[in-house]
Amino acid sequence: MSSHPAPSLKDRFDRQRMLKLAGPVLMAEAVGHAALGYLIHQEDFAALSGGEDLNPAVFWFTLFSAMLLVIGWLVTASHLKTGSVPGRRVAGALLIAIPVAAGVARALTPLWMLIVPGVMLLFGRSTPKLTDEKSGRKLR
């Protein structure tokens, strides 16, 4: 038995790390979404090369995957450059609201996975970038 007390909830959830990982989580979900779309719609992708009409589901799978990838990249790039993500609370709230609204219409939707990065953006804490005002050099 350990004599150390259990870590508090505050110690378990590093809010700065949550914000730092929100972008990579969105990009990983984008790749997973694209792979799942390809597996589900292999025949439709093959039919595209034969000049057949595009299945709307293939279009939406591809578009949504690309959109998630770009949003994840923007979140990551912004966090790396400034230590924060402008509009992160709005983006986080939308990433939570969209699956909830979709779940009301159709409970078996994979959009529920967006709640994780939504919570990360909504509750994550910015990391201040410390720079010397005179030289502009980073202090840490």
C-alpha atoms as a PDB file:
ATOM      1  CA  MET A   1       0.000   0.000   0.000  1.00  0.00           C
ATOM      2  CA  SER A   2       1.198   3.460  -0.862  1.00  0.00           C
ATOM      3  CA  SER A   3       1.184   6.197   1.746  1.00  0.00           C
ATOM      4  CA  HIS A   4       0.749   8.886  -0.908  1.00  0.00           C
ATOM      5  CA  PRO A   5      -2.701  10.441  -1.195  1.00  0.00           C
ATOM      6  CA  ALA A   6      -4.631   9.927  -4.406  1.00  0.00           C
ATOM      7  CA  PRO A   7      -4.091  12.731  -6.920  1.00  0.00           C
ATOM      8  CA  SER A   8      -6.810  15.339  -6.960  1.00  0.00           C
ATOM      9  CA  LEU A   9      -9.073  15.808  -9.939  1.00  0.00           C
ATOM     10  CA  LYS A  10      -7.230  19.053 -10.702  1.00  0.00           C
ATOM     11  CA  ASP A  11      -3.916  17.170 -10.868  1.00  0.00           C
ATOM     12  CA  ARG A  12      -5.347  14.464 -13.132  1.00  0.00           C
ATOM     13  CA  PHE A  13      -6.669  16.838 -15.782  1.00  0.00           C
ATOM     14  CA  ASP A  14      -3.993  19.179 -17.039  1.00  0.00           C
ATOM     15  CA  ARG A  15      -6.065  21.854 -18.762  1.00  0.00           C
ATOM     16  CA  GLN A  16      -3.085  23.276 -20.645  1.00  0.00           C
ATOM     17  CA  ARG A  17      -2.369  19.840 -22.067  1.00  0.00           C
ATOM     18  CA  MET A  18      -6.023  19.446 -23.051  1.00  0.00           C
ATOM     19  CA  LEU A  19      -5.800  22.528 -25.257  1.00  0.00           C
ATOM     20  CA  LYS A  20      -2.441  21.430 -26.654  1.00  0.00           C
ATOM     21  CA  LEU A  21      -3.877  18.033 -27.707  1.00  0.00           C
ATOM     22  CA  ALA A  22      -7.214  19.276 -29.086  1.00  0.00           C
ATOM     23  CA  GLY A  23      -5.799  19.877 -32.590  1.00  0.00           C
ATOM     24  CA  PRO A  24      -4.037  16.503 -32.896  1.00  0.00           C
ATOM     25  CA  VAL A  25      -7.186  14.752 -31.627  1.00  0.00           C
ATOM     26  CA  LEU A  26      -9.244  16.491 -34.341  1.00  0.00           C
ATOM     27  CA  MET A  27      -6.688  15.514 -36.998  1.00  0.00           C
ATOM     28  CA  ALA A  28      -6.679  11.893 -35.792  1.00  0.00           C
ATOM     29  CA  GLU A  29     -10.472  11.843 -35.944  1.00  0.00           C
ATOM     30  CA  ALA A  30     -10.277  13.254 -39.505  1.00  0.00           C
ATOM     31  CA  VAL A  31      -7.964  10.451 -40.621  1.00  0.00           C
ATOM     32  CA  GLY A  32     -10.153   7.852 -38.906  1.00  0.00           C
ATOM     33  CA  HIS A  33     -13.251   9.352 -40.490  1.00  0.00           C
ATOM     34  CA  ALA A  34     -11.683   9.251 -43.962  1.00  0.00           C
ATOM     35  CA  ALA A  35     -10.537   5.640 -43.469  1.00  0.00           C
ATOM     36  CA  LEU A  36     -13.969   4.590 -42.239  1.00  0.00           C
ATOM     37  CA  GLY A  37     -15.613   6.368 -45.169  1.00  0.00           C
ATOM     38  CA  TYR A  38     -13.341   4.581 -47.599  1.00  0.00           C
ATOM     39  CA  LEU A  39     -14.040   1.188 -46.004  1.00  0.00           C
ATOM     40  CA  ILE A  40     -17.788   1.723 -46.015  1.00  0.00           C
ATOM     41  CA  HIS A  41     -17.944   3.194 -49.530  1.00  0.00           C
ATOM     42  CA  GLN A  42     -15.192   1.295 -51.402  1.00  0.00           C
ATOM     43  CA  GLU A  43     -17.510   0.422 -54.262  1.00  0.00           C
ATOM     44  CA  ASP A  44     -18.627   4.041 -54.624  1.00  0.00           C
ATOM     45  CA  PHE A  45     -15.025   5.263 -54.753  1.00  0.00           C
ATOM     46  CA  ALA A  46     -14.265   2.648 -57.419  1.00  0.00           C
ATOM     47  CA  ALA A  47     -17.338   3.722 -59.406  1.00  0.00           C
ATOM     48  CA  LEU A  48     -16.012   7.294 -59.540  1.00  0.00           C
ATOM     49  CA  SER A  49     -13.170   6.211 -61.794  1.00  0.00           C
ATOM     50  CA  GLY A  50     -15.723   4.656 -64.159  1.00  0.00           C
ATOM     51  CA  GLY A  51     -17.500   7.974 -64.655  1.00  0.00           C
ATOM     52  CA  GLU A  52     -20.571   7.138 -62.574  1.00  0.00           C
ATOM     53  CA  ASP A  53     -22.401   9.752 -60.525  1.00  0.00           C
ATOM     54  CA  LEU A  54     -21.064  10.576 -57.083  1.00  0.00           C
ATOM     55  CA  ASN A  55     -22.894   9.096 -54.129  1.00  0.00           C
ATOM     56  CA  PRO A  56     -23.776  12.018 -51.802  1.00  0.00           C
ATOM     57  CA  ALA A  57     -22.591  10.021 -48.761  1.00  0.00           C
ATOM     58  CA  VAL A  58     -19.109   9.728 -50.289  1.00  0.00           C
ATOM     59  CA  PHE A  59     -19.042  13.469 -50.884  1.00  0.00           C
ATOM     60  CA  TRP A  60     -20.042  14.284 -47.300  1.00  0.00           C
ATOM     61  CA  PHE A  61     -17.624  11.757 -45.792  1.00  0.00           C
ATOM     62  CA  THR A  62     -14.755  13.228 -47.801  1.00  0.00           C
ATOM     63  CA  LEU A  63     -15.724  16.850 -47.169  1.00  0.00           C
ATOM     64  CA  PHE A  64     -16.198  16.362 -43.430  1.00  0.00           C
ATOM     65  CA  SER A  65     -12.861  14.543 -43.121  1.00  0.00           C
ATOM     66  CA  ALA A  66     -11.063  17.375 -44.896  1.00  0.00           C
ATOM     67  CA  MET A  67     -12.855  19.961 -42.751  1.00  0.00           C
ATOM     68  CA  LEU A  68     -11.859  18.206 -39.512  1.00  0.00           C
ATOM     69  CA  LEU A  69      -8.262  17.960 -40.716  1.00  0.00           C
ATOM     70  CA  VAL A  70      -8.072  21.673 -41.511  1.00  0.00           C
ATOM     71  CA  ILE A  71      -9.714  22.680 -38.211  1.00  0.00           C
ATOM     72  CA  GLY A  72      -7.297  20.436 -36.295  1.00  0.00           C
ATOM     73  CA  TRP A  73      -4.342  21.887 -38.180  1.00  0.00           C
ATOM     74  CA  LEU A  74      -5.498  25.470 -37.484  1.00  0.00           C
ATOM     75  CA  VAL A  75      -5.990  24.736 -33.782  1.00  0.00           C
ATOM     76  CA  THR A  76      -2.529  23.127 -33.568  1.00  0.00           C
ATOM     77  CA  ALA A  77      -0.788  25.900 -35.532  1.00  0.00           C
ATOM     78  CA  SER A  78      -2.454  28.623 -33.486  1.00  0.00           C
ATOM     79  CA  HIS A  79      -1.555  26.941 -30.203  1.00  0.00           C
ATOM     80  CA  LEU A  80       2.062  26.438 -31.254  1.00  0.00           C
ATOM     81  CA  LYS A  81       2.410  30.058 -32.350  1.00  0.00           C
ATOM     82  CA  THR A  82       0.555  31.885 -29.572  1.00  0.00           C
ATOM     83  CA  GLY A  83      -0.045  29.385 -26.777  1.00  0.00           C
ATOM     84  CA  SER A  84      -3.779  29.938 -27.206  1.00  0.00           C
ATOM     85  CA  VAL A  85      -6.533  29.292 -29.722  1.00  0.00           C
ATOM     86  CA  PRO A  86      -8.653  32.343 -30.567  1.00  0.00           C
ATOM     87  CA  GLY A  87     -12.338  31.489 -30.548  1.00  0.00           C
ATOM     88  CA  ARG A  88     -11.663  28.173 -28.839  1.00  0.00           C
ATOM     89  CA  ARG A  89     -14.669  28.401 -26.548  1.00  0.00           C
ATOM     90  CA  VAL A  90     -17.028  29.043 -29.459  1.00  0.00           C
ATOM     91  CA  ALA A  91     -15.430  26.229 -31.472  1.00  0.00           C
ATOM     92  CA  GLY A  92     -15.599  23.898 -28.467  1.00  0.00           C
ATOM     93  CA  ALA A  93     -19.257  24.729 -27.840  1.00  0.00           C
ATOM     94  CA  LEU A  94     -20.068  24.071 -31.524  1.00  0.00           C
ATOM     95  CA  LEU A  95     -18.167  20.770 -31.497  1.00  0.00           C
ATOM     96  CA  ILE A  96     -20.364  19.743 -28.568  1.00  0.00           C
ATOM     97  CA  ALA A  97     -23.650  21.174 -29.897  1.00  0.00           C
ATOM     98  CA  ILE A  98     -23.424  19.627 -33.387  1.00  0.00           C
ATOM     99  CA  PRO A  99     -23.337  15.986 -32.190  1.00  0.00           C
ATOM    100  CA  VAL A 100     -26.021  16.651 -29.585  1.00  0.00           C
ATOM    101  CA  ALA A 101     -28.335  18.114 -32.260  1.00  0.00           C
ATOM    102  CA  ALA A 102     -27.506  15.285 -34.660  1.00  0.00           C
ATOM    103  CA  GLY A 103     -28.050  12.732 -31.903  1.00  0.00           C
ATOM    104  CA  VAL A 104     -31.583  14.026 -31.350  1.00  0.00           C
ATOM    105  CA  ALA A 105     -32.341  13.367 -35.018  1.00  0.00           C
ATOM    106  CA  ARG A 106     -30.384  10.131 -35.291  1.00  0.00           C
ATOM    107  CA  ALA A 107     -28.917   8.482 -32.206  1.00  0.00           C
ATOM    108  CA  LEU A 108     -26.550   6.214 -34.174  1.00  0.00           C
ATOM    109  CA  THR A 109     -24.313   8.969 -35.467  1.00  0.00           C
ATOM    110  CA  PRO A 110     -20.514   8.949 -35.279  1.00  0.00           C
ATOM    111  CA  LEU A 111     -20.591  12.678 -34.559  1.00  0.00           C
ATOM    112  CA  TRP A 112     -20.512  11.851 -30.838  1.00  0.00           C
ATOM    113  CA  MET A 113     -16.717  11.610 -31.219  1.00  0.00           C
ATOM    114  CA  LEU A 114     -16.580  15.399 -31.671  1.00  0.00           C
ATOM    115  CA  ILE A 115     -17.533  15.918 -28.040  1.00  0.00           C
ATOM    116  CA  VAL A 116     -14.010  14.966 -26.865  1.00  0.00           C
ATOM    117  CA  PRO A 117     -12.111  17.707 -28.759  1.00  0.00           C
ATOM    118  CA  GLY A 118     -15.035  20.062 -28.055  1.00  0.00           C
ATOM    119  CA  VAL A 119     -14.555  19.618 -24.314  1.00  0.00           C
ATOM    120  CA  MET A 120     -10.788  19.976 -24.757  1.00  0.00           C
ATOM    121  CA  LEU A 121     -11.236  23.327 -26.528  1.00  0.00           C
ATOM    122  CA  LEU A 122     -13.976  24.562 -24.216  1.00  0.00           C
ATOM    123  CA  PHE A 123     -12.229  23.784 -20.932  1.00  0.00           C
ATOM    124  CA  GLY A 124      -8.551  23.853 -21.937  1.00  0.00           C
ATOM    125  CA  ARG A 125      -6.321  26.584 -20.570  1.00  0.00           C
ATOM    126  CA  SER A 126      -4.016  28.731 -22.678  1.00  0.00           C
ATOM    127  CA  THR A 127      -0.266  28.538 -22.201  1.00  0.00           C
ATOM    128  CA  PRO A 128       1.200  32.045 -22.066  1.00  0.00           C
ATOM    129  CA  LYS A 129       4.241  32.566 -24.246  1.00  0.00           C
ATOM    130  CA  LEU A 130       6.831  34.433 -22.239  1.00  0.00           C
ATOM    131  CA  THR A 131       8.960  36.786 -24.311  1.00  0.00           C
ATOM    132  CA  ASP A 132      11.309  39.605 -23.514  1.00  0.00           C
ATOM    133  CA  GLU A 133       9.607  42.833 -24.608  1.00  0.00           C
ATOM    134  CA  LYS A 134      12.856  44.493 -25.706  1.00  0.00           C
ATOM    135  CA  SER A 135      14.494  41.682 -27.666  1.00  0.00           C
ATOM    136  CA  GLY A 136      11.424  39.595 -28.547  1.00  0.00           C
ATOM    137  CA  ARG A 137      13.274  36.412 -27.471  1.00  0.00           C
ATOM    138  CA  LYS A 138      11.507  33.592 -25.673  1.00  0.00           C
ATOM    139  CA  LEU A 139      12.233  33.406 -21.955  1.00  0.00           C
ATOM    140  CA  ARG A 140      11.545  29.705 -21.627  1.00  0.00           C
END
